C-alpha atoms as a PDB file:
ATOM      1  CA  MET A   1     -13.797  68.669-124.653  1.00  0.00           C
ATOM      2  CA  ASN A   2     -15.042  67.848-120.734  1.00  0.00           C
ATOM      3  CA  THR A   3     -13.062  70.574-118.755  1.00  0.00           C
ATOM      4  CA  LYS A   4     -15.266  69.569-115.610  1.00  0.00           C
ATOM      5  CA  PRO A   5     -13.360  68.114-112.730  1.00  0.00           C
ATOM      6  CA  ARG A   6     -14.332  64.688-111.965  1.00  0.00           C
ATOM      7  CA  LYS A   7     -15.546  63.701-108.512  1.00  0.00           C
ATOM      8  CA  SER A   8     -13.608  61.020-106.714  1.00  0.00           C
ATOM      9  CA  ASN A   9     -14.878  57.598-106.283  1.00  0.00           C
ATOM     10  CA  VAL A  10     -14.910  57.076-102.414  1.00  0.00           C
ATOM     11  CA  THR A  11     -16.608  53.740-102.533  1.00  0.00           C
ATOM     12  CA  GLY A  12     -13.892  52.217-105.305  1.00  0.00           C
ATOM     13  CA  ILE A  13     -11.037  53.774-103.166  1.00  0.00           C
ATOM     14  CA  LEU A  14     -12.552  52.123 -99.914  1.00  0.00           C
ATOM     15  CA  LEU A  15     -12.781  48.518-101.552  1.00  0.00           C
ATOM     16  CA  LEU A  16      -9.325  48.822-103.174  1.00  0.00           C
ATOM     17  CA  ALA A  17      -7.978  49.429 -99.726  1.00  0.00           C
ATOM     18  CA  LEU A  18      -9.922  46.625 -98.294  1.00  0.00           C
ATOM     19  CA  PHE A  19      -8.636  44.324-101.013  1.00  0.00           C
ATOM     20  CA  ALA A  20      -4.790  45.449-100.391  1.00  0.00           C
ATOM     21  CA  LEU A  21      -5.401  44.931 -96.371  1.00  0.00           C
ATOM     22  CA  THR A  22      -7.149  41.219 -97.065  1.00  0.00           C
ATOM     23  CA  LEU A  23      -3.973  40.297 -99.449  1.00  0.00           C
ATOM     24  CA  LEU A  24      -1.420  41.375 -96.855  1.00  0.00           C
ATOM     25  CA  ALA A  25      -3.357  39.344 -94.074  1.00  0.00           C
ATOM     26  CA  ALA A  26      -3.432  36.521 -96.557  1.00  0.00           C
ATOM     27  CA  CYS A  27       0.349  36.735 -97.363  1.00  0.00           C
ATOM     28  CA  SER A  28       1.301  37.190 -93.319  1.00  0.00           C
ATOM     29  CA  GLY A  29      -0.421  33.947 -92.506  1.00  0.00           C
ATOM     30  CA  GLY A  30      -2.597  35.865 -90.366  1.00  0.00           C
ATOM     31  CA  ASN A  31      -0.006  36.196 -87.728  1.00  0.00           C
ATOM     32  CA  ILE A  32       1.407  39.439 -86.282  1.00  0.00           C
ATOM     33  CA  ASP A  33       4.749  39.838 -84.615  1.00  0.00           C
ATOM     34  CA  VAL A  34       4.430  41.020 -81.060  1.00  0.00           C
ATOM     35  CA  ALA A  35       7.252  42.265 -78.524  1.00  0.00           C
ATOM     36  CA  VAL A  36       6.648  43.025 -74.950  1.00  0.00           C
ATOM     37  CA  GLY A  37       9.427  44.845 -73.176  1.00  0.00           C
ATOM     38  CA  GLY A  38      11.659  43.908 -75.900  1.00  0.00           C
ATOM     39  CA  VAL A  39      10.851  40.272 -75.779  1.00  0.00           C
ATOM     40  CA  ASN A  40       9.609  39.060 -79.133  1.00  0.00           C
ATOM     41  CA  LEU A  41       6.599  36.775 -78.323  1.00  0.00           C
ATOM     42  CA  PRO A  42       5.923  33.539 -80.521  1.00  0.00           C
ATOM     43  CA  PRO A  43       3.080  34.270 -83.097  1.00  0.00           C
ATOM     44  CA  GLY A  44      -0.458  33.955 -81.666  1.00  0.00           C
ATOM     45  CA  SER A  45       0.822  34.155 -77.995  1.00  0.00           C
ATOM     46  CA  LEU A  46      -0.374  36.692 -75.400  1.00  0.00           C
ATOM     47  CA  PRO A  47       1.957  38.439 -73.264  1.00  0.00           C
ATOM     48  CA  PRO A  48       2.227  36.800 -69.870  1.00  0.00           C
ATOM     49  CA  PHE A  49       1.280  38.061 -66.401  1.00  0.00           C
ATOM     50  CA  PRO A  50      -0.817  41.133 -68.045  1.00  0.00           C
ATOM     51  CA  ASN A  51      -0.946  43.039 -64.991  1.00  0.00           C
ATOM     52  CA  SER A  52       2.852  42.572 -64.481  1.00  0.00           C
ATOM     53  CA  GLU A  53       5.887  44.800 -64.200  1.00  0.00           C
ATOM     54  CA  PRO A  54       9.537  44.566 -65.472  1.00  0.00           C
ATOM     55  CA  VAL A  55      11.918  43.347 -62.522  1.00  0.00           C
ATOM     56  CA  VAL A  56      15.353  43.017 -61.951  1.00  0.00           C
ATOM     57  CA  ALA A  57      15.816  41.081 -58.679  1.00  0.00           C
ATOM     58  CA  GLN A  58      19.081  39.528 -56.885  1.00  0.00           C
ATOM     59  CA  GLY A  59      18.736  37.014 -54.053  1.00  0.00           C
ATOM     60  CA  THR A  60      19.121  33.662 -52.720  1.00  0.00           C
ATOM     61  CA  ILE A  61      17.607  30.555 -54.651  1.00  0.00           C
ATOM     62  CA  THR A  62      15.297  29.071 -51.762  1.00  0.00           C
ATOM     63  CA  GLY A  63      13.358  26.839 -53.904  1.00  0.00           C
ATOM     64  CA  PHE A  64      12.697  24.899 -57.154  1.00  0.00           C
ATOM     65  CA  GLY A  65       9.872  23.687 -59.034  1.00  0.00           C
ATOM     66  CA  ASP A  66      10.554  26.745 -61.012  1.00  0.00           C
ATOM     67  CA  LEU A  67      12.924  28.950 -59.293  1.00  0.00           C
ATOM     68  CA  THR A  68      12.225  30.868 -56.051  1.00  0.00           C
ATOM     69  CA  VAL A  69      14.244  33.940 -55.133  1.00  0.00           C
ATOM     70  CA  ASN A  70      13.287  36.652 -52.438  1.00  0.00           C
ATOM     71  CA  GLY A  71       9.879  34.580 -51.894  1.00  0.00           C
ATOM     72  CA  VAL A  72       8.721  34.956 -55.488  1.00  0.00           C
ATOM     73  CA  ARG A  73       8.155  31.877 -57.871  1.00  0.00           C
ATOM     74  CA  TYR A  74       9.660  32.563 -61.256  1.00  0.00           C
ATOM     75  CA  ASP A  75       8.548  30.381 -64.254  1.00  0.00           C
ATOM     76  CA  THR A  76      11.963  29.558 -66.350  1.00  0.00           C
ATOM     77  CA  ARG A  77      10.600  27.804 -69.065  1.00  0.00           C
ATOM     78  CA  ASN A  78      12.141  30.471 -71.417  1.00  0.00           C
ATOM     79  CA  ALA A  79      14.951  31.840 -69.590  1.00  0.00           C
ATOM     80  CA  SER A  80      18.562  31.883 -70.611  1.00  0.00           C
ATOM     81  CA  ILE A  81      20.647  30.715 -67.657  1.00  0.00           C
ATOM     82  CA  VAL A  82      24.172  31.984 -67.212  1.00  0.00           C
ATOM     83  CA  VAL A  83      26.631  30.432 -64.640  1.00  0.00           C
ATOM     84  CA  ASP A  84      30.091  31.803 -64.044  1.00  0.00           C
ATOM     85  CA  SER A  85      29.649  33.556 -67.518  1.00  0.00           C
ATOM     86  CA  GLN A  86      28.987  30.255 -69.290  1.00  0.00           C
ATOM     87  CA  PRO A  87      25.612  29.195 -70.971  1.00  0.00           C
ATOM     88  CA  GLY A  88      24.020  26.773 -68.283  1.00  0.00           C
ATOM     89  CA  VAL A  89      20.629  24.921 -67.616  1.00  0.00           C
ATOM     90  CA  LEU A  90      18.396  25.269 -64.689  1.00  0.00           C
ATOM     91  CA  SER A  91      19.885  21.880 -63.195  1.00  0.00           C
ATOM     92  CA  ASP A  92      23.266  23.848 -62.742  1.00  0.00           C
ATOM     93  CA  LEU A  93      21.649  26.322 -60.377  1.00  0.00           C
ATOM     94  CA  LYS A  94      21.528  25.102 -56.512  1.00  0.00           C
ATOM     95  CA  THR A  95      19.666  26.039 -53.554  1.00  0.00           C
ATOM     96  CA  GLY A  96      21.775  28.779 -51.481  1.00  0.00           C
ATOM     97  CA  GLN A  97      23.551  30.476 -54.883  1.00  0.00           C
ATOM     98  CA  VAL A  98      23.030  33.969 -55.077  1.00  0.00           C
ATOM     99  CA  VAL A  99      21.370  34.878 -58.634  1.00  0.00           C
ATOM    100  CA  THR A 100      20.368  37.982 -60.632  1.00  0.00           C
ATOM    101  CA  LEU A 101      17.422  37.716 -62.660  1.00  0.00           C
ATOM    102  CA  SER A 102      15.267  39.840 -64.908  1.00  0.00           C
ATOM    103  CA  GLY A 103      11.690  39.260 -66.414  1.00  0.00           C
ATOM    104  CA  ARG A 104       8.305  40.309 -65.079  1.00  0.00           C
ATOM    105  CA  ILE A 105       6.547  39.953 -61.899  1.00  0.00           C
ATOM    106  CA  SER A 106       2.800  39.698 -60.966  1.00  0.00           C
ATOM    107  CA  ALA A 107       1.132  42.933 -59.754  1.00  0.00           C
ATOM    108  CA  ASP A 108       0.927  41.028 -56.416  1.00  0.00           C
ATOM    109  CA  GLY A 109       4.219  40.072 -56.331  1.00  0.00           C
ATOM    110  CA  SER A 110       3.894  36.440 -55.782  1.00  0.00           C
ATOM    111  CA  THR A 111       4.963  34.826 -59.191  1.00  0.00           C
ATOM    112  CA  GLY A 112       6.908  35.952 -61.930  1.00  0.00           C
ATOM    113  CA  GLU A 113       8.520  34.967 -65.464  1.00  0.00           C
ATOM    114  CA  ALA A 114      12.170  35.005 -65.816  1.00  0.00           C
ATOM    115  CA  SER A 115      13.970  35.912 -69.295  1.00  0.00           C
ATOM    116  CA  THR A 116      17.498  35.817 -67.739  1.00  0.00           C
ATOM    117  CA  ILE A 117      19.111  34.404 -64.827  1.00  0.00           C
ATOM    118  CA  HIS A 118      22.789  35.015 -63.759  1.00  0.00           C
ATOM    119  CA  MET A 119      24.652  33.214 -61.055  1.00  0.00           C
ATOM    120  CA  HIS A 120      28.316  34.222 -60.592  1.00  0.00           C
ATOM    121  CA  SER A 121      30.485  33.107 -57.808  1.00  0.00           C
ATOM    122  CA  ARG A 122      32.072  35.620 -55.800  1.00  0.00           C
ATOM    123  CA  VAL A 123      35.236  33.520 -55.319  1.00  0.00           C
ATOM    124  CA  THR A 124      36.788  30.118 -56.668  1.00  0.00           C
ATOM    125  CA  GLY A 125      39.922  28.587 -55.685  1.00  0.00           C
ATOM    126  CA  PRO A 126      41.436  26.208 -53.114  1.00  0.00           C
ATOM    127  CA  VAL A 127      40.682  26.422 -49.726  1.00  0.00           C
ATOM    128  CA  GLU A 128      43.865  27.946 -47.894  1.00  0.00           C
ATOM    129  CA  SER A 129      42.944  27.743 -44.402  1.00  0.00           C
ATOM    130  CA  ILE A 130      39.961  26.984 -41.914  1.00  0.00           C
ATOM    131  CA  ASP A 131      39.362  28.891 -39.111  1.00  0.00           C
ATOM    132  CA  VAL A 132      37.032  26.450 -37.142  1.00  0.00           C
ATOM    133  CA  GLY A 133      36.538  28.634 -33.980  1.00  0.00           C
ATOM    134  CA  ASN A 134      35.323  31.669 -35.959  1.00  0.00           C
ATOM    135  CA  GLY A 135      33.699  29.785 -38.788  1.00  0.00           C
ATOM    136  CA  ARG A 136      35.686  31.286 -41.460  1.00  0.00           C
ATOM    137  CA  LEU A 137      37.614  30.286 -44.614  1.00  0.00           C
ATOM    138  CA  MET A 138      40.330  31.640 -46.642  1.00  0.00           C
ATOM    139  CA  VAL A 139      39.888  31.360 -50.291  1.00  0.00           C
ATOM    140  CA  MET A 140      41.885  33.112 -52.646  1.00  0.00           C
ATOM    141  CA  GLY A 141      42.909  35.735 -50.269  1.00  0.00           C
ATOM    142  CA  GLN A 142      39.116  36.220 -49.412  1.00  0.00           C
ATOM    143  CA  ILE A 143      37.778  35.826 -45.883  1.00  0.00           C
ATOM    144  CA  VAL A 144      34.749  33.498 -46.007  1.00  0.00           C
ATOM    145  CA  ARG A 145      32.215  33.493 -43.237  1.00  0.00           C
ATOM    146  CA  LEU A 146      30.176  30.134 -43.083  1.00  0.00           C
ATOM    147  CA  GLU A 147      26.848  30.451 -41.331  1.00  0.00           C
ATOM    148  CA  PRO A 148      24.561  28.198 -39.979  1.00  0.00           C
ATOM    149  CA  ASP A 149      22.116  28.688 -42.924  1.00  0.00           C
ATOM    150  CA  THR A 150      25.149  28.117 -45.421  1.00  0.00           C
ATOM    151  CA  GLN A 151      24.279  25.234 -47.914  1.00  0.00           C
ATOM    152  CA  TYR A 152      26.830  22.773 -48.920  1.00  0.00           C
ATOM    153  CA  SER A 153      27.360  20.637 -51.895  1.00  0.00           C
ATOM    154  CA  ALA A 154      26.295  17.150 -51.776  1.00  0.00           C
ATOM    155  CA  ASP A 155      29.963  16.257 -52.677  1.00  0.00           C
ATOM    156  CA  ILE A 156      31.024  17.483 -49.359  1.00  0.00           C
ATOM    157  CA  ASP A 157      31.108  14.553 -46.696  1.00  0.00           C
ATOM    158  CA  PRO A 158      29.681  15.937 -44.063  1.00  0.00           C
ATOM    159  CA  ALA A 159      27.779  18.160 -45.594  1.00  0.00           C
ATOM    160  CA  THR A 160      28.708  20.744 -42.984  1.00  0.00           C
ATOM    161  CA  PHE A 161      31.817  22.856 -42.113  1.00  0.00           C
ATOM    162  CA  GLU A 162      33.756  19.955 -40.824  1.00  0.00           C
ATOM    163  CA  GLY A 163      33.503  18.309 -44.568  1.00  0.00           C
ATOM    164  CA  LEU A 164      36.009  20.967 -45.517  1.00  0.00           C
ATOM    165  CA  ALA A 165      39.576  20.666 -45.824  1.00  0.00           C
ATOM    166  CA  ALA A 166      42.568  22.903 -46.683  1.00  0.00           C
ATOM    167  CA  GLY A 167      43.383  22.484 -50.368  1.00  0.00           C
ATOM    168  CA  ASP A 168      39.657  21.602 -51.304  1.00  0.00           C
ATOM    169  CA  LEU A 169      38.488  23.460 -54.162  1.00  0.00           C
ATOM    170  CA  ALA A 170      35.491  25.702 -53.292  1.00  0.00           C
ATOM    171  CA  ARG A 171      33.187  27.560 -55.298  1.00  0.00           C
ATOM    172  CA  ILE A 172      31.426  30.072 -52.906  1.00  0.00           C
ATOM    173  CA  SER A 173      28.341  31.995 -53.620  1.00  0.00           C
ATOM    174  CA  GLY A 174      27.068  34.682 -51.186  1.00  0.00           C
ATOM    175  CA  TYR A 175      27.211  38.521 -50.212  1.00  0.00           C
ATOM    176  CA  ALA A 176      30.085  40.704 -49.105  1.00  0.00           C
ATOM    177  CA  ASP A 177      29.629  42.217 -45.369  1.00  0.00           C
ATOM    178  CA  ALA A 178      30.594  45.700 -44.115  1.00  0.00           C
ATOM    179  CA  ALA A 179      34.017  44.326 -43.484  1.00  0.00           C
ATOM    180  CA  GLY A 180      34.798  43.191 -46.726  1.00  0.00           C
ATOM    181  CA  ASN A 181      34.169  39.473 -45.965  1.00  0.00           C
ATOM    182  CA  LEU A 182      32.197  37.453 -47.799  1.00  0.00           C
ATOM    183  CA  ARG A 183      28.929  35.723 -46.232  1.00  0.00           C
ATOM    184  CA  ALA A 184      28.628  32.453 -47.727  1.00  0.00           C
ATOM    185  CA  THR A 185      24.967  31.216 -48.912  1.00  0.00           C
ATOM    186  CA  ARG A 186      26.526  28.453 -50.649  1.00  0.00           C
END
């Protein structure tokens, strides 16, 4: 009877481990799931904007082609869009609307990729009164200030303050001012 301990076969163990890894790669189809910032990327893709940072931005839409907010052009191909708490598409968004978006922004701050875009109207309802002299509307008890740069829907004819009338249904996007009034951007 041989009582000598056996030496381990390191080469055999390494070959077995290599075989197991090869088998595992063959079964997976060669793709590895990748997540960047909590977002799963399609198999085989590389993360966008390798020198980018996460961003949450709020601003007025100033252009399309993708979506320009605060001077930054965001790629919207993979973005989920929500308009007034309902699923939406890019064509639901209009110049002058205030949006909040999350995504990534390039290191130089000129481009980005949006993952979510939310547009929420500040007030929606019938125009109760119009104060032409002061450039104000009353909508649902809210004073709305109309500015020279306020954008108007193509449904308003003329597409200016003069195209509005009491009783018209208004959906206002904008910012609150220090007095609690709403400064309309659209």
